[in-house]
C-alpha atoms as a PDB file:
ATOM      1  CA  MET A   1       0.118   0.126   0.049  1.00  0.00           C
ATOM      2  CA  ALA A   2       1.373   3.451  -1.104  1.00  0.00           C
ATOM      3  CA  LYS A   3       2.497   6.128   1.450  1.00  0.00           C
ATOM      4  CA  ALA A   4      -0.066   8.792   1.823  1.00  0.00           C
ATOM      5  CA  ALA A   5       1.604  11.891   0.012  1.00  0.00           C
ATOM      6  CA  ARG A   6      -1.464  14.382  -0.405  1.00  0.00           C
ATOM      7  CA  ALA A   7      -4.457  15.345   1.831  1.00  0.00           C
ATOM      8  CA  LEU A   8      -7.246  17.412   1.283  1.00  0.00           C
ATOM      9  CA  ILE A   9      -8.858  18.883   4.576  1.00  0.00           C
ATOM     10  CA  SER A  10     -12.166  20.773   4.139  1.00  0.00           C
ATOM     11  CA  VAL A  11     -14.067  20.865   7.536  1.00  0.00           C
ATOM     12  CA  SER A  12     -16.800  22.763   9.140  1.00  0.00           C
ATOM     13  CA  ASP A  13     -16.050  21.746  12.619  1.00  0.00           C
ATOM     14  CA  LYS A  14     -12.465  22.920  12.892  1.00  0.00           C
ATOM     15  CA  THR A  15     -11.918  21.072  16.239  1.00  0.00           C
ATOM     16  CA  GLY A  16      -8.617  19.651  16.202  1.00  0.00           C
ATOM     17  CA  VAL A  17      -7.798  20.435  12.586  1.00  0.00           C
ATOM     18  CA  GLU A  18      -4.494  22.192  13.220  1.00  0.00           C
ATOM     19  CA  ASP A  19      -3.112  19.320  15.256  1.00  0.00           C
ATOM     20  CA  PHE A  20      -4.310  16.618  12.556  1.00  0.00           C
ATOM     21  CA  ALA A  21      -2.814  18.929   9.623  1.00  0.00           C
ATOM     22  CA  ARG A  22       0.599  19.471  11.616  1.00  0.00           C
ATOM     23  CA  GLY A  23       0.789  15.704  12.090  1.00  0.00           C
ATOM     24  CA  LEU A  24       0.244  14.959   8.418  1.00  0.00           C
ATOM     25  CA  VAL A  25       2.956  17.623   7.356  1.00  0.00           C
ATOM     26  CA  ALA A  26       5.330  15.938   9.995  1.00  0.00           C
ATOM     27  CA  MET A  27       4.842  12.810   8.047  1.00  0.00           C
ATOM     28  CA  GLY A  28       5.646  14.408   4.694  1.00  0.00           C
ATOM     29  CA  VAL A  29       1.805  14.821   3.569  1.00  0.00           C
ATOM     30  CA  GLU A  30       1.038  17.947   1.282  1.00  0.00           C
ATOM     31  CA  ILE A  31      -2.119  19.599   2.744  1.00  0.00           C
ATOM     32  CA  ILE A  32      -4.837  20.896   0.113  1.00  0.00           C
ATOM     33  CA  SER A  33      -7.645  23.072   1.581  1.00  0.00           C
ATOM     34  CA  THR A  34     -10.566  25.436   1.043  1.00  0.00           C
ATOM     35  CA  GLY A  35     -11.246  28.868   2.305  1.00  0.00           C
ATOM     36  CA  GLY A  36     -11.901  28.633   5.896  1.00  0.00           C
ATOM     37  CA  THR A  37      -9.986  25.645   6.853  1.00  0.00           C
ATOM     38  CA  ALA A  38      -6.991  26.846   4.997  1.00  0.00           C
ATOM     39  CA  ARG A  39      -7.086  30.095   6.629  1.00  0.00           C
ATOM     40  CA  ILE A  40      -6.834  28.531   9.934  1.00  0.00           C
ATOM     41  CA  LEU A  41      -4.086  26.338   9.129  1.00  0.00           C
ATOM     42  CA  ASN A  42      -2.113  29.200   7.414  1.00  0.00           C
ATOM     43  CA  ALA A  43      -2.679  31.313  10.374  1.00  0.00           C
ATOM     44  CA  ALA A  44      -1.213  28.263  12.510  1.00  0.00           C
ATOM     45  CA  GLY A  45       1.882  28.291  10.221  1.00  0.00           C
ATOM     46  CA  ILE A  46       1.070  25.117   8.700  1.00  0.00           C
ATOM     47  CA  PRO A  47       1.975  24.925   4.895  1.00  0.00           C
ATOM     48  CA  VAL A  48      -1.304  24.535   2.883  1.00  0.00           C
ATOM     49  CA  ARG A  49      -2.289  24.725  -0.801  1.00  0.00           C
ATOM     50  CA  GLN A  50      -5.536  26.410  -1.797  1.00  0.00           C
ATOM     51  CA  VAL A  51      -7.923  24.034  -3.813  1.00  0.00           C
ATOM     52  CA  SER A  52      -8.384  26.944  -6.230  1.00  0.00           C
ATOM     53  CA  GLU A  53      -4.493  26.941  -6.803  1.00  0.00           C
ATOM     54  CA  LEU A  54      -4.582  23.172  -7.824  1.00  0.00           C
ATOM     55  CA  THR A  55      -7.549  23.655  -9.904  1.00  0.00           C
ATOM     56  CA  GLY A  56      -6.814  26.946 -11.510  1.00  0.00           C
ATOM     57  CA  PHE A  57     -10.487  28.000 -10.579  1.00  0.00           C
ATOM     58  CA  PRO A  58     -11.771  30.057  -7.928  1.00  0.00           C
ATOM     59  CA  GLU A  59     -14.401  29.233  -5.444  1.00  0.00           C
ATOM     60  CA  ILE A  60     -17.675  30.637  -6.942  1.00  0.00           C
ATOM     61  CA  LEU A  61     -21.338  31.051  -6.149  1.00  0.00           C
ATOM     62  CA  GLY A  62     -20.731  32.431  -2.553  1.00  0.00           C
ATOM     63  CA  GLY A  63     -18.709  29.398  -1.867  1.00  0.00           C
ATOM     64  CA  ARG A  64     -21.431  26.955  -3.141  1.00  0.00           C
ATOM     65  CA  VAL A  65     -18.711  25.500  -5.761  1.00  0.00           C
ATOM     66  CA  LYS A  66     -15.224  24.996  -4.191  1.00  0.00           C
ATOM     67  CA  THR A  67     -14.012  21.379  -4.770  1.00  0.00           C
ATOM     68  CA  LEU A  68     -16.571  20.300  -7.422  1.00  0.00           C
ATOM     69  CA  HIS A  69     -13.631  19.970 -10.140  1.00  0.00           C
ATOM     70  CA  PRO A  70     -12.090  16.976 -12.200  1.00  0.00           C
ATOM     71  CA  LYS A  71      -8.851  17.774 -10.781  1.00  0.00           C
ATOM     72  CA  ILE A  72     -10.361  17.205  -7.344  1.00  0.00           C
ATOM     73  CA  HIS A  73     -12.419  14.279  -8.047  1.00  0.00           C
ATOM     74  CA  GLY A  74     -10.064  12.740 -10.645  1.00  0.00           C
ATOM     75  CA  GLY A  75      -7.282  12.704  -7.961  1.00  0.00           C
ATOM     76  CA  ILE A  76      -9.688  10.933  -5.333  1.00  0.00           C
ATOM     77  CA  LEU A  77     -11.414   8.310  -7.774  1.00  0.00           C
ATOM     78  CA  ALA A  78      -8.249   7.396  -9.690  1.00  0.00           C
ATOM     79  CA  VAL A  79      -7.611   3.749  -9.137  1.00  0.00           C
ATOM     80  CA  ARG A  80      -4.054   3.380  -8.433  1.00  0.00           C
ATOM     81  CA  ASN A  81      -3.113   0.163  -9.920  1.00  0.00           C
ATOM     82  CA  SER A  82      -4.878   1.026 -13.430  1.00  0.00           C
ATOM     83  CA  ILE A  83      -2.268   1.851 -16.079  1.00  0.00           C
ATOM     84  CA  ASP A  84      -5.179   3.235 -18.188  1.00  0.00           C
ATOM     85  CA  GLN A  85      -5.971   5.576 -15.270  1.00  0.00           C
ATOM     86  CA  ALA A  86      -2.626   6.538 -14.472  1.00  0.00           C
ATOM     87  CA  LYS A  87      -2.072   7.667 -17.984  1.00  0.00           C
ATOM     88  CA  GLU A  88      -5.413   9.647 -17.936  1.00  0.00           C
ATOM     89  CA  VAL A  89      -4.281  11.277 -14.667  1.00  0.00           C
ATOM     90  CA  LYS A  90      -1.103  12.221 -16.096  1.00  0.00           C
ATOM     91  CA  LYS A  91      -2.290  13.626 -19.268  1.00  0.00           C
ATOM     92  CA  HIS A  92      -4.807  15.873 -17.621  1.00  0.00           C
ATOM     93  CA  GLY A  93      -2.114  16.916 -14.817  1.00  0.00           C
ATOM     94  CA  ILE A  94      -4.493  15.722 -12.026  1.00  0.00           C
ATOM     95  CA  PRO A  95      -2.674  15.414  -8.649  1.00  0.00           C
ATOM     96  CA  LEU A  96      -3.291  12.285  -6.638  1.00  0.00           C
ATOM     97  CA  ILE A  97      -5.313  12.807  -3.171  1.00  0.00           C
ATOM     98  CA  ASP A  98      -4.701   9.857  -0.830  1.00  0.00           C
ATOM     99  CA  LEU A  99      -6.590  11.289   2.377  1.00  0.00           C
ATOM    100  CA  VAL A 100      -9.927  13.087   2.421  1.00  0.00           C
ATOM    101  CA  ALA A 101     -10.746  14.533   5.848  1.00  0.00           C
ATOM    102  CA  VAL A 102     -14.289  16.250   5.656  1.00  0.00           C
ATOM    103  CA  ASN A 103     -17.168  16.941   7.849  1.00  0.00           C
ATOM    104  CA  LEU A 104     -20.007  18.579   6.795  1.00  0.00           C
ATOM    105  CA  TYR A 105     -22.280  21.847   7.464  1.00  0.00           C
ATOM    106  CA  PRO A 106     -24.076  21.841  10.438  1.00  0.00           C
ATOM    107  CA  PHE A 107     -27.433  21.249   8.769  1.00  0.00           C
ATOM    108  CA  GLU A 108     -29.207  19.638  11.937  1.00  0.00           C
ATOM    109  CA  GLU A 109     -27.654  22.283  14.486  1.00  0.00           C
ATOM    110  CA  THR A 110     -28.939  25.014  12.270  1.00  0.00           C
ATOM    111  CA  VAL A 111     -32.692  23.624  11.835  1.00  0.00           C
ATOM    112  CA  SER A 112     -32.810  22.691  15.683  1.00  0.00           C
ATOM    113  CA  LYS A 113     -32.650  26.446  16.416  1.00  0.00           C
ATOM    114  CA  SER A 114     -35.998  28.536  16.616  1.00  0.00           C
ATOM    115  CA  GLY A 115     -36.544  31.012  13.820  1.00  0.00           C
ATOM    116  CA  VAL A 116     -34.463  29.561  11.300  1.00  0.00           C
ATOM    117  CA  THR A 117     -35.801  30.168   7.895  1.00  0.00           C
ATOM    118  CA  VAL A 118     -36.139  27.649   5.016  1.00  0.00           C
ATOM    119  CA  PRO A 119     -33.379  29.574   2.888  1.00  0.00           C
ATOM    120  CA  GLU A 120     -31.062  29.670   5.776  1.00  0.00           C
ATOM    121  CA  ALA A 121     -31.472  26.037   6.319  1.00  0.00           C
ATOM    122  CA  ILE A 122     -31.054  25.458   2.287  1.00  0.00           C
ATOM    123  CA  GLU A 123     -27.424  27.140   2.729  1.00  0.00           C
ATOM    124  CA  GLN A 124     -26.471  24.465   5.018  1.00  0.00           C
ATOM    125  CA  ILE A 125     -26.947  21.896   2.938  1.00  0.00           C
ATOM    126  CA  ASP A 126     -23.516  20.526   2.063  1.00  0.00           C
ATOM    127  CA  ILE A 127     -23.091  19.289  -1.348  1.00  0.00           C
ATOM    128  CA  GLY A 128     -19.250  19.508  -2.319  1.00  0.00           C
ATOM    129  CA  GLY A 129     -18.469  17.709   1.205  1.00  0.00           C
ATOM    130  CA  VAL A 130     -20.886  14.756   0.567  1.00  0.00           C
ATOM    131  CA  CYS A 131     -19.328  14.144  -3.062  1.00  0.00           C
ATOM    132  CA  LEU A 132     -15.835  14.265  -1.395  1.00  0.00           C
ATOM    133  CA  ILE A 133     -16.617  11.724   1.157  1.00  0.00           C
ATOM    134  CA  ARG A 134     -18.632   9.314  -1.201  1.00  0.00           C
ATOM    135  CA  ALA A 135     -15.764   9.540  -3.667  1.00  0.00           C
ATOM    136  CA  ALA A 136     -13.143   8.664  -1.046  1.00  0.00           C
ATOM    137  CA  ALA A 137     -15.262   6.167   0.588  1.00  0.00           C
ATOM    138  CA  LYS A 138     -15.912   4.475  -2.794  1.00  0.00           C
ATOM    139  CA  ASN A 139     -12.079   4.595  -3.537  1.00  0.00           C
ATOM    140  CA  TRP A 140     -11.135   3.118   0.145  1.00  0.00           C
ATOM    141  CA  LYS A 141      -8.290   1.014  -1.313  1.00  0.00           C
ATOM    142  CA  ASP A 142      -6.614   3.896  -2.282  1.00  0.00           C
ATOM    143  CA  VAL A 143      -7.994   6.693  -0.487  1.00  0.00           C
ATOM    144  CA  ILE A 144      -8.292   7.285   3.230  1.00  0.00           C
ATOM    145  CA  VAL A 145     -11.579   9.136   4.313  1.00  0.00           C
ATOM    146  CA  VAL A 146     -11.896  11.061   7.984  1.00  0.00           C
ATOM    147  CA  THR A 147     -15.251  12.241   8.819  1.00  0.00           C
ATOM    148  CA  SER A 148     -15.023  12.570  12.389  1.00  0.00           C
ATOM    149  CA  THR A 149     -12.674  14.505  14.499  1.00  0.00           C
ATOM    150  CA  ALA A 150     -12.569  11.670  17.072  1.00  0.00           C
ATOM    151  CA  ASP A 151     -10.711   9.759  13.989  1.00  0.00           C
ATOM    152  CA  TYR A 152      -7.923  12.380  13.791  1.00  0.00           C
ATOM    153  CA  GLY A 153      -5.550  10.763  16.509  1.00  0.00           C
ATOM    154  CA  PRO A 154      -6.201   6.991  15.604  1.00  0.00           C
ATOM    155  CA  VAL A 155      -5.418   7.826  11.940  1.00  0.00           C
ATOM    156  CA  LEU A 156      -2.374   9.783  12.568  1.00  0.00           C
ATOM    157  CA  LYS A 157      -1.234   6.866  14.894  1.00  0.00           C
ATOM    158  CA  GLY A 158      -2.207   4.129  12.148  1.00  0.00           C
ATOM    159  CA  LEU A 159      -0.297   6.273   9.579  1.00  0.00           C
ATOM    160  CA  SER A 160       2.828   6.758  11.813  1.00  0.00           C
ATOM    161  CA  ASP A 161       2.562   2.887  12.668  1.00  0.00           C
ATOM    162  CA  GLY A 162       2.143   1.859   9.268  1.00  0.00           C
ATOM    163  CA  GLY A 163       4.915   3.848   7.382  1.00  0.00           C
ATOM    164  CA  GLY A 164       2.356   6.134   6.068  1.00  0.00           C
ATOM    165  CA  SER A 165      -0.362   4.074   5.335  1.00  0.00           C
ATOM    166  CA  LEU A 166      -3.383   2.110   6.620  1.00  0.00           C
ATOM    167  CA  SER A 167      -4.461  -1.302   6.494  1.00  0.00           C
ATOM    168  CA  ASP A 168      -7.056  -2.423   4.177  1.00  0.00           C
ATOM    169  CA  GLU A 169      -9.429  -3.223   7.319  1.00  0.00           C
ATOM    170  CA  LYS A 170      -9.132   0.375   8.693  1.00  0.00           C
ATOM    171  CA  ARG A 171      -9.558   1.977   5.456  1.00  0.00           C
ATOM    172  CA  LEU A 172     -12.812  -0.185   4.992  1.00  0.00           C
ATOM    173  CA  GLU A 173     -14.077   0.709   8.371  1.00  0.00           C
ATOM    174  CA  LEU A 174     -13.540   4.467   7.665  1.00  0.00           C
ATOM    175  CA  ALA A 175     -15.122   4.254   4.529  1.00  0.00           C
ATOM    176  CA  ALA A 176     -18.265   2.526   5.853  1.00  0.00           C
ATOM    177  CA  ARG A 177     -18.689   5.355   8.521  1.00  0.00           C
ATOM    178  CA  GLY A 178     -18.191   7.749   5.566  1.00  0.00           C
ATOM    179  CA  PHE A 179     -21.252   6.432   4.004  1.00  0.00           C
ATOM    180  CA  GLU A 180     -23.014   5.992   7.177  1.00  0.00           C
ATOM    181  CA  HIS A 181     -22.212   9.859   7.997  1.00  0.00           C
ATOM    182  CA  THR A 182     -23.694  11.008   4.469  1.00  0.00           C
ATOM    183  CA  ALA A 183     -26.647   8.620   4.839  1.00  0.00           C
ATOM    184  CA  ALA A 184     -27.652  10.266   8.078  1.00  0.00           C
ATOM    185  CA  TYR A 185     -26.996  13.701   6.925  1.00  0.00           C
ATOM    186  CA  ASP A 186     -29.359  13.164   3.847  1.00  0.00           C
ATOM    187  CA  THR A 187     -31.942  11.673   5.909  1.00  0.00           C
ATOM    188  CA  ALA A 188     -32.047  14.824   8.322  1.00  0.00           C
ATOM    189  CA  ILE A 189     -32.248  16.982   5.394  1.00  0.00           C
ATOM    190  CA  SER A 190     -35.253  14.810   4.006  1.00  0.00           C
ATOM    191  CA  ALA A 191     -36.825  14.925   7.160  1.00  0.00           C
ATOM    192  CA  TYR A 192     -36.621  18.573   7.452  1.00  0.00           C
ATOM    193  CA  LEU A 193     -37.899  19.318   3.872  1.00  0.00           C
ATOM    194  CA  LYS A 194     -41.020  16.879   4.334  1.00  0.00           C
ATOM    195  CA  LYS A 195     -41.989  19.306   7.226  1.00  0.00           C
ATOM    196  CA  GLN A 196     -42.082  22.057   5.302  1.00  0.00           C
ATOM    197  CA  ILE A 197     -44.580  20.635   2.817  1.00  0.00           C
END
């Protein structure tokens, strides 16, 4: 199993993200990030590359579109032992992404507050984050997906103990939790929207 060389970190809940990113950097992992997360990491002196620098395209529509780009999803979804996909990735200049750390906009927390309007709730529906989690979880053999701040420490320890990689068993466990996370998120959104009918 290849050593993790590049991580995309884009989190709504910033708890522990500095220590997690610092731990990855200490292992030689390049960090790619989006707006708010990138600013926090930069302020902490952690080297980070903006997603927009990698894609050559700015965040648009008030931040609604940040990571929905072939250079991001191609880097996550590329099957590492496929010769054809390796050629495609090279042809299009797509950097491989080996770890995705994402937690989603706080939809449930937002709609639990009194007086929240439907438009306010709608803006807390995460699109890019869900896509990142699902892409990484689908390609769990090659990409580590982290959706909980509680996993930062164990993942860093696992990477350290595993020479920069994690076992298939741990990757699969994290992938299953990733799909569980997005399923619960979508269920909460669906329940909220049904109440509006």
